[in-house]
Amino acid sequence: MAPTAYVQELSKLTSTSDLMSSIALVYFSPTGNTKKAVSSIGELPCVTVKTFDITGNVEVPETDLSGFDFVVFGAPVYAGRIPACSVDRFKKMKGSGTPCALVLTYGNRAYEDAPRELGDIAEANGFRIKGVATMASQHTYGQIQLGRPNKDDIAELQEFYFHMLAKAEEPETVIPPGNYPYKVVETKAKFKPTTNGNCLACGMCIRDCPVGAIEEDIKTVNDNCIGCMRCVKNCPMKAKSVVADAFSDFEKLLSERLKNRKENEFFV
C-alpha cells in the first residue's frame, strides 16, 4: 500500500464502529524516539488519544486502561532489553482483554528479547497483543541512523496501526519475538554525563532524569544513571556532555559497526 493510501482508505470509514476510536498511549522515552513513534497514531483520522508518559522519575500509579478501545505500549531497547527502570512502571498498567500493540525503538543494532519482555508484561496485565513493531531508530550514541524514525518510517508504522485497529476485535493474538529467560544485561551506565560552564542551574536535568541520578548540585551524577543521555539531549544550554576519551572512541567504533541501515519489522 502506498504511504498515503491507508489514510485515504481510513478516511472513507463513516462509522466509529468500523474503527477503534479511544486509544491510550503508554511510553517510556528518554530521548523522544519512542514518543515520536507511538504518538504518530494520533495523526490517523477517527481516533482520539490519551497519553501516559511514564518516563519521568515519579511514582506511576496503578492505572486501569480497560476502558480504552486500544492501547499502544512503547519502549526503547537497551542492549536487547527494555530499560530495567521501566518494568515496574509498565506493570502498573492494567487491562481486561484490552487489545494492544507494542512498539520497540532500537538503535539499528538488534532488539533481541525486548519485544518478548514488554509483551510478557502486557499479557500478564490483561492485554491482548495484536501486533508488534520494531523500529530502527537513531542511536543514543554516535552518528547512527540520524533522524530515524523519519517520515518514511512513520508512514510504515501508521499503516501498521491502521491494520491493528481494523482487526482489534479479532480473537487472534501475536507472540512477540524474543526469548525467555531474557538475556542478562548491565543496567548501570558505563559513561556518565558531566556538566560544563554553560550550566545556568535551572534544574531541568534533575527534574527530567528518569532515575533521579542527578544530585541537587547538578554536577554530581550518581550510580543510578542508566546512560540514557536525556539530560544531554534536552539541556537548552548544551551544558551536559560525555567528554571521556574512551567514550569518543566507543562512539566512533559503534558508528562504524552500525552504519548499515536496518529495516523496520512488523509482526501481525
Protein backbone atom coordinates (compact mmCIF):
# COMPACT_ATOMS: atom_id res chain seq x y z
CA MET A 1 0.00 0.00 0.00
CA ALA A 2 1.36 3.44 -0.92
CA PRO A 3 2.44 5.64 2.01
CA THR A 4 -0.78 7.69 1.99
CA ALA A 5 -3.19 5.06 0.67
CA TYR A 6 -4.06 3.78 4.13
CA VAL A 7 -5.06 7.28 5.24
CA GLN A 8 -7.31 7.61 2.21
CA GLU A 9 -8.90 4.26 3.00
CA LEU A 10 -9.30 5.21 6.64
CA SER A 11 -10.97 8.48 5.70
CA LYS A 12 -13.69 6.53 3.89
CA LEU A 13 -14.87 4.97 7.13
CA THR A 14 -18.04 6.68 8.23
CA SER A 15 -18.97 4.70 11.35
CA THR A 16 -16.99 4.76 14.56
CA SER A 17 -17.91 1.09 14.90
CA ASP A 18 -15.60 0.40 11.94
CA LEU A 19 -12.55 1.61 13.86
CA MET A 20 -11.49 1.82 17.47
CA SER A 21 -11.51 5.47 18.46
CA SER A 22 -10.31 5.71 22.06
CA ILE A 23 -6.59 4.95 22.31
CA ALA A 24 -4.19 5.04 25.27
CA LEU A 25 -0.52 5.70 24.56
CA VAL A 26 1.86 4.41 27.24
CA TYR A 27 5.55 5.03 26.65
CA PHE A 28 8.97 5.31 28.24
CA SER A 29 11.01 7.63 26.04
CA PRO A 30 14.07 9.41 27.46
CA THR A 31 15.26 10.97 24.17
CA GLY A 32 12.00 11.14 22.24
CA ASN A 33 12.32 8.43 19.57
CA THR A 34 9.74 6.16 21.16
CA LYS A 35 7.38 9.05 21.88
CA LYS A 36 7.60 10.12 18.24
CA ALA A 37 6.79 6.63 17.01
CA VAL A 38 3.97 5.91 19.43
CA SER A 39 2.35 9.33 19.10
CA SER A 40 2.09 9.07 15.32
CA ILE A 41 -1.09 7.01 15.71
CA GLY A 42 -2.76 10.24 16.77
CA GLU A 43 -2.35 11.57 13.22
CA LEU A 44 -4.80 8.99 11.87
CA PRO A 45 -8.37 10.19 11.33
CA CYS A 46 -11.20 8.94 13.53
CA VAL A 47 -9.07 8.37 16.62
CA THR A 48 -8.68 10.15 19.94
CA VAL A 49 -5.70 9.52 22.18
CA LYS A 50 -4.73 9.93 25.80
CA THR A 51 -1.06 9.91 26.71
CA PHE A 52 0.56 8.19 29.68
CA ASP A 53 4.21 9.25 29.70
CA ILE A 54 5.97 7.04 32.27
CA THR A 55 9.47 8.39 31.60
CA GLY A 56 9.92 10.84 34.46
CA ASN A 57 11.23 9.95 37.89
CA VAL A 58 7.82 9.98 39.54
CA GLU A 59 5.69 7.29 41.10
CA VAL A 60 3.45 5.77 38.43
CA PRO A 61 0.04 4.90 39.92
CA GLU A 62 -1.80 1.71 39.08
CA THR A 63 -3.89 2.65 36.05
CA ASP A 64 -6.92 0.88 34.61
CA LEU A 65 -6.84 1.09 30.81
CA SER A 66 -9.69 -1.35 30.21
CA GLY A 67 -11.98 1.50 29.21
CA PHE A 68 -9.94 2.23 26.10
CA ASP A 69 -10.60 0.57 22.77
CA PHE A 70 -6.89 0.08 22.08
CA VAL A 71 -3.57 0.63 23.85
CA VAL A 72 -0.12 1.25 22.36
CA PHE A 73 2.87 0.44 24.57
CA GLY A 74 6.22 1.93 23.55
CA ALA A 75 9.74 1.41 24.88
CA PRO A 76 13.34 1.79 23.68
CA VAL A 77 15.69 -1.17 23.56
CA TYR A 78 18.79 -1.05 25.76
CA ALA A 79 21.23 -3.88 24.97
CA GLY A 80 18.40 -6.17 23.92
CA ARG A 81 16.05 -5.48 26.86
CA ILE A 82 13.58 -2.78 27.77
CA PRO A 83 15.07 -0.36 30.34
CA ALA A 84 15.03 -2.01 33.76
CA CYS A 85 13.61 1.10 35.41
CA SER A 86 10.58 0.99 33.10
CA VAL A 87 9.49 -2.54 34.01
CA ASP A 88 7.61 -1.73 37.22
CA ARG A 89 6.05 1.31 35.54
CA PHE A 90 4.61 -0.75 32.69
CA LYS A 91 3.35 -3.28 35.23
CA LYS A 92 1.12 -0.56 36.73
CA MET A 93 -0.97 -0.53 33.54
CA LYS A 94 -3.95 -2.90 33.74
CA GLY A 95 -6.31 -4.17 31.07
CA SER A 96 -9.18 -6.60 30.78
CA GLY A 97 -8.78 -8.40 27.48
CA THR A 98 -7.86 -4.99 26.03
CA PRO A 99 -6.24 -5.13 22.57
CA CYS A 100 -2.80 -3.55 22.30
CA ALA A 101 0.22 -3.08 20.07
CA LEU A 102 3.87 -2.99 21.13
CA VAL A 103 6.34 -0.52 19.59
CA LEU A 104 10.05 -1.00 20.26
CA THR A 105 12.63 1.51 19.03
CA TYR A 106 16.22 0.32 18.81
CA GLY A 107 19.49 1.89 17.72
CA ASN A 108 20.00 -0.05 14.48
CA ARG A 109 21.75 -2.98 16.23
CA ALA A 110 19.20 -5.57 17.44
CA TYR A 111 16.03 -5.71 19.50
CA GLU A 112 16.69 -9.23 20.84
CA ASP A 113 14.47 -10.04 23.85
CA ALA A 114 12.90 -6.62 24.38
CA PRO A 115 9.64 -7.31 22.49
CA ARG A 116 9.12 -10.55 24.40
CA GLU A 117 9.81 -8.81 27.71
CA LEU A 118 7.35 -5.98 27.08
CA GLY A 119 4.83 -8.45 25.69
CA ASP A 120 5.06 -10.68 28.75
CA ILE A 121 4.27 -7.69 30.96
CA ALA A 122 1.33 -6.64 28.80
CA GLU A 123 -0.14 -10.12 28.59
CA ALA A 124 0.22 -10.74 32.34
CA ASN A 125 -1.65 -7.48 32.99
CA GLY A 126 -4.69 -8.34 30.90
CA PHE A 127 -3.86 -7.12 27.40
CA ARG A 128 -4.26 -8.97 24.09
CA ILE A 129 -1.27 -8.38 21.82
CA LYS A 130 -2.44 -7.71 18.26
CA GLY A 131 0.89 -6.75 16.76
CA VAL A 132 4.50 -5.75 17.37
CA ALA A 133 6.57 -3.09 15.57
CA THR A 134 10.35 -2.94 15.88
CA MET A 135 11.61 0.40 14.59
CA ALA A 136 15.25 1.04 13.70
CA SER A 137 15.97 4.48 15.15
CA GLN A 138 18.70 6.99 15.79
CA HIS A 139 21.08 5.53 18.34
CA THR A 140 21.62 7.32 21.63
CA TYR A 141 25.37 7.31 20.94
CA GLY A 142 27.41 8.19 17.87
CA GLN A 143 26.20 9.15 14.40
CA ILE A 144 23.90 6.23 13.69
CA GLN A 145 20.75 6.44 11.54
CA LEU A 146 20.33 10.13 12.23
CA GLY A 147 16.75 11.37 12.14
CA ARG A 148 15.12 7.98 12.33
CA PRO A 149 12.33 7.23 12.72
CA ASN A 150 11.89 9.52 9.71
CA LYS A 151 8.77 10.28 7.69
CA ASP A 152 9.03 7.04 5.73
CA ASP A 153 9.40 5.02 8.94
CA ILE A 154 6.37 6.77 10.39
CA ALA A 155 4.36 6.07 7.24
CA GLU A 156 5.14 2.36 7.63
CA LEU A 157 4.21 2.49 11.28
CA GLN A 158 0.93 4.27 10.62
CA GLU A 159 -0.04 1.58 8.11
CA PHE A 160 0.71 -0.97 10.83
CA TYR A 161 -1.53 0.97 13.24
CA PHE A 162 -4.30 1.04 10.67
CA HIS A 163 -4.23 -2.75 10.37
CA MET A 164 -4.07 -3.16 14.15
CA LEU A 165 -7.15 -1.05 14.69
CA ALA A 166 -9.03 -2.80 11.91
CA LYS A 167 -8.52 -6.23 13.49
CA ALA A 168 -8.66 -5.20 17.15
CA GLU A 169 -11.73 -7.28 17.92
CA GLU A 170 -10.48 -10.45 16.25
CA PRO A 171 -9.52 -13.19 18.74
CA GLU A 172 -6.07 -13.98 17.33
CA THR A 173 -3.06 -12.61 19.18
CA VAL A 174 0.63 -12.29 18.31
CA ILE A 175 3.59 -13.80 20.12
CA PRO A 176 6.33 -11.15 20.27
CA PRO A 177 9.82 -12.11 19.07
CA GLY A 178 12.46 -12.78 21.72
CA ASN A 179 13.50 -15.40 24.20
CA TYR A 180 12.86 -16.27 27.81
CA PRO A 181 14.83 -16.25 30.07
CA TYR A 182 15.78 -12.82 28.80
CA LYS A 183 19.42 -12.00 28.15
CA VAL A 184 21.34 -10.70 31.15
CA VAL A 185 22.48 -7.09 30.73
CA GLU A 186 24.32 -4.47 32.76
CA THR A 187 21.86 -1.81 33.87
CA LYS A 188 24.34 0.82 35.06
CA ALA A 189 25.91 3.35 32.72
CA LYS A 190 29.48 2.86 31.54
CA PHE A 191 29.74 6.56 30.75
CA LYS A 192 28.15 9.37 32.76
CA PRO A 193 27.47 12.95 31.65
CA THR A 194 29.46 15.82 33.08
CA THR A 195 28.47 19.48 33.38
CA ASN A 196 30.29 22.38 31.73
CA GLY A 197 30.32 26.12 32.32
CA ASN A 198 27.19 26.72 30.24
CA CYS A 199 25.02 25.46 33.10
CA LEU A 200 22.55 28.01 34.49
CA ALA A 201 21.42 25.73 37.33
CA CYS A 202 17.85 25.70 36.02
CA GLY A 203 17.31 22.21 37.40
CA MET A 204 15.68 20.79 34.27
CA CYS A 205 18.05 17.84 34.18
CA ILE A 206 17.23 16.96 37.78
CA ARG A 207 13.51 17.04 37.10
CA ASP A 208 13.74 15.11 33.83
CA CYS A 209 16.11 12.30 34.81
CA PRO A 210 14.14 9.01 34.67
CA VAL A 211 16.01 7.52 37.61
CA GLY A 212 16.91 10.50 39.79
CA ALA A 213 20.60 10.15 39.01
CA ILE A 214 21.44 13.87 39.09
CA GLU A 215 22.04 15.31 42.53
CA GLU A 216 20.91 18.73 43.74
CA ASP A 217 24.29 20.27 42.95
CA ILE A 218 23.56 19.34 39.30
CA LYS A 219 27.16 18.27 38.66
CA THR A 220 27.07 15.01 40.61
CA VAL A 221 25.68 12.00 38.72
CA ASN A 222 25.16 9.02 40.97
CA ASP A 223 25.22 5.30 40.21
CA ASN A 224 21.53 5.24 39.32
CA CYS A 225 22.48 6.63 35.91
CA ILE A 226 21.38 4.38 33.03
CA GLY A 227 23.23 6.33 30.32
CA CYS A 228 20.02 7.33 28.51
CA MET A 229 21.52 10.77 27.72
CA ARG A 230 18.22 12.54 28.26
CA CYS A 231 19.98 15.34 30.09
CA VAL A 232 22.50 15.70 27.26
CA LYS A 233 19.82 15.84 24.57
CA ASN A 234 17.36 18.11 26.37
CA CYS A 235 19.59 20.70 28.06
CA PRO A 236 18.83 24.04 26.34
CA MET A 237 22.30 25.35 27.21
CA LYS A 238 24.21 22.26 25.99
CA ALA A 239 25.71 22.06 29.45
CA LYS A 240 25.72 18.25 29.66
CA SER A 241 28.05 16.01 27.71
CA VAL A 242 30.32 13.00 27.99
CA VAL A 243 33.90 14.11 27.49
CA ALA A 244 35.91 10.97 28.25
CA ASP A 245 38.35 9.91 25.52
CA ALA A 246 37.14 6.34 25.91
CA PHE A 247 33.60 7.47 25.12
CA SER A 248 34.70 9.22 21.94
CA ASP A 249 36.49 6.07 20.81
CA PHE A 250 33.44 3.99 21.70
CA GLU A 251 31.13 6.22 19.64
CA LYS A 252 33.40 6.04 16.61
CA LEU A 253 33.61 2.27 16.81
CA LEU A 254 29.87 1.90 17.29
CA SER A 255 29.08 4.29 14.43
CA GLU A 256 31.20 2.25 12.06
CA ARG A 257 29.78 -1.04 13.26
CA LEU A 258 26.16 0.05 12.89
CA LYS A 259 26.39 2.17 9.75
CA ASN A 260 24.37 -0.18 7.57
CA ARG A 261 20.66 0.59 7.67
CA LYS A 262 18.26 -1.92 9.17
CA GLU A 263 14.64 -2.06 8.14
CA ASN A 264 11.63 -1.93 10.42
CA GLU A 265 9.87 -5.20 11.15
CA PHE A 266 6.20 -5.77 11.85
CA PHE A 267 4.68 -8.86 13.44
CA VAL A 268 0.93 -9.12 12.89
